[in-house]
Amino acid sequence: MVFGADKLPEIARGLGKGMRTLKDATNDIKHEITKTAQKNGIDTSITSDVKKELDKVKDDLEDFTGSVKRKL
């Protein structure tokens, strides 16, 4: 993709906000899963598996945004 220099800061801000939203949503999901599981007497070890998968997504996003930031 090719963007003008004037658009790159805007794109980086948008990616940063998106990552923040993803992190907040991830924390909300983990909290709700844990709370519901504990309430129903279910083993909460699944949250560690969910966390691992979400961390992979987060790392992929950070790799992508890092390459965008380096080009700024």
C-alpha atoms as a PDB file:
ATOM      1  CA  MET A   1       0.000   0.000   0.000  1.00  0.00           C
ATOM      2  CA  VAL A   2       1.158   3.485  -0.740  1.00  0.00           C
ATOM      3  CA  PHE A   3       0.124   6.436   1.377  1.00  0.00           C
ATOM      4  CA  GLY A   4       1.277  10.021   1.360  1.00  0.00           C
ATOM      5  CA  ALA A   5       3.458  11.194   4.216  1.00  0.00           C
ATOM      6  CA  ASP A   6       0.603  13.333   5.504  1.00  0.00           C
ATOM      7  CA  LYS A   7      -1.636  10.256   5.937  1.00  0.00           C
ATOM      8  CA  LEU A   8       0.824   8.019   7.811  1.00  0.00           C
ATOM      9  CA  PRO A   9       0.403   9.631  11.268  1.00  0.00           C
ATOM     10  CA  GLU A  10      -3.368   9.382  10.883  1.00  0.00           C
ATOM     11  CA  ILE A  11      -3.098   5.718   9.902  1.00  0.00           C
ATOM     12  CA  ALA A  12      -0.750   4.986  12.825  1.00  0.00           C
ATOM     13  CA  ARG A  13      -3.161   6.671  15.258  1.00  0.00           C
ATOM     14  CA  GLY A  14      -6.026   4.631  13.859  1.00  0.00           C
ATOM     15  CA  LEU A  15      -4.047   1.412  14.265  1.00  0.00           C
ATOM     16  CA  GLY A  16      -3.104   2.388  17.812  1.00  0.00           C
ATOM     17  CA  LYS A  17      -6.723   3.064  18.705  1.00  0.00           C
ATOM     18  CA  GLY A  18      -7.723  -0.224  17.122  1.00  0.00           C
ATOM     19  CA  MET A  19      -5.126  -2.102  19.165  1.00  0.00           C
ATOM     20  CA  ARG A  20      -6.359  -0.384  22.342  1.00  0.00           C
ATOM     21  CA  THR A  21      -9.935  -1.352  21.536  1.00  0.00           C
ATOM     22  CA  LEU A  22      -8.857  -4.934  20.865  1.00  0.00           C
ATOM     23  CA  LYS A  23      -6.954  -5.086  24.159  1.00  0.00           C
ATOM     24  CA  ASP A  24      -9.924  -3.700  26.102  1.00  0.00           C
ATOM     25  CA  ALA A  25     -12.308  -6.132  24.409  1.00  0.00           C
ATOM     26  CA  THR A  26      -9.915  -9.003  25.118  1.00  0.00           C
ATOM     27  CA  ASN A  27      -9.785  -8.121  28.800  1.00  0.00           C
ATOM     28  CA  ASP A  28     -13.587  -7.869  28.934  1.00  0.00           C
ATOM     29  CA  ILE A  29     -13.968 -11.274  27.269  1.00  0.00           C
ATOM     30  CA  LYS A  30     -11.462 -12.906  29.612  1.00  0.00           C
ATOM     31  CA  HIS A  31     -13.177 -11.378  32.639  1.00  0.00           C
ATOM     32  CA  GLU A  32     -16.641 -12.515  31.528  1.00  0.00           C
ATOM     33  CA  ILE A  33     -15.456 -16.053  30.700  1.00  0.00           C
ATOM     34  CA  THR A  34     -13.732 -16.395  34.060  1.00  0.00           C
ATOM     35  CA  LYS A  35     -16.642 -14.909  36.013  1.00  0.00           C
ATOM     36  CA  THR A  36     -19.255 -17.077  34.291  1.00  0.00           C
ATOM     37  CA  ALA A  37     -17.153 -20.216  34.572  1.00  0.00           C
ATOM     38  CA  GLN A  38     -16.498 -19.720  38.259  1.00  0.00           C
ATOM     39  CA  LYS A  39     -20.165 -18.959  38.857  1.00  0.00           C
ATOM     40  CA  ASN A  40     -21.125 -22.252  37.200  1.00  0.00           C
ATOM     41  CA  GLY A  41     -18.321 -24.312  38.765  1.00  0.00           C
ATOM     42  CA  ILE A  42     -16.524 -24.809  35.446  1.00  0.00           C
ATOM     43  CA  ASP A  43     -12.771 -25.241  35.171  1.00  0.00           C
ATOM     44  CA  THR A  44     -11.304 -21.868  34.207  1.00  0.00           C
ATOM     45  CA  SER A  45      -8.157 -23.245  32.598  1.00  0.00           C
ATOM     46  CA  ILE A  46      -9.737 -22.494  29.213  1.00  0.00           C
ATOM     47  CA  THR A  47      -8.993 -18.828  29.813  1.00  0.00           C
ATOM     48  CA  SER A  48      -5.279 -19.532  29.497  1.00  0.00           C
ATOM     49  CA  ASP A  49      -5.893 -21.094  26.077  1.00  0.00           C
ATOM     50  CA  VAL A  50      -7.990 -18.111  25.017  1.00  0.00           C
ATOM     51  CA  LYS A  51      -5.291 -15.763  26.307  1.00  0.00           C
ATOM     52  CA  LYS A  52      -2.621 -17.570  24.265  1.00  0.00           C
ATOM     53  CA  GLU A  53      -4.668 -17.238  21.072  1.00  0.00           C
ATOM     54  CA  LEU A  54      -5.454 -13.588  21.736  1.00  0.00           C
ATOM     55  CA  ASP A  55      -1.781 -12.904  22.480  1.00  0.00           C
ATOM     56  CA  LYS A  56      -0.903 -14.368  19.068  1.00  0.00           C
ATOM     57  CA  VAL A  57      -3.337 -11.959  17.409  1.00  0.00           C
ATOM     58  CA  LYS A  58      -1.930  -9.083  19.452  1.00  0.00           C
ATOM     59  CA  ASP A  59       1.636  -9.981  18.450  1.00  0.00           C
ATOM     60  CA  ASP A  60       0.638 -10.114  14.784  1.00  0.00           C
ATOM     61  CA  LEU A  61      -0.961  -6.678  15.048  1.00  0.00           C
ATOM     62  CA  GLU A  62       2.082  -5.271  16.818  1.00  0.00           C
ATOM     63  CA  ASP A  63       4.334  -6.677  14.082  1.00  0.00           C
ATOM     64  CA  PHE A  64       2.182  -4.988  11.461  1.00  0.00           C
ATOM     65  CA  THR A  65       1.926  -1.643  13.244  1.00  0.00           C
ATOM     66  CA  GLY A  66       5.639  -1.746  14.040  1.00  0.00           C
ATOM     67  CA  SER A  67       6.444  -1.922  10.349  1.00  0.00           C
ATOM     68  CA  VAL A  68       4.111   1.007   9.712  1.00  0.00           C
ATOM     69  CA  LYS A  69       5.731   3.037  12.507  1.00  0.00           C
ATOM     70  CA  ARG A  70       9.224   2.338  11.157  1.00  0.00           C
ATOM     71  CA  LYS A  71       8.182   3.756   7.812  1.00  0.00           C
ATOM     72  CA  LEU A  72       6.940   7.000   9.365  1.00  0.00           C
END
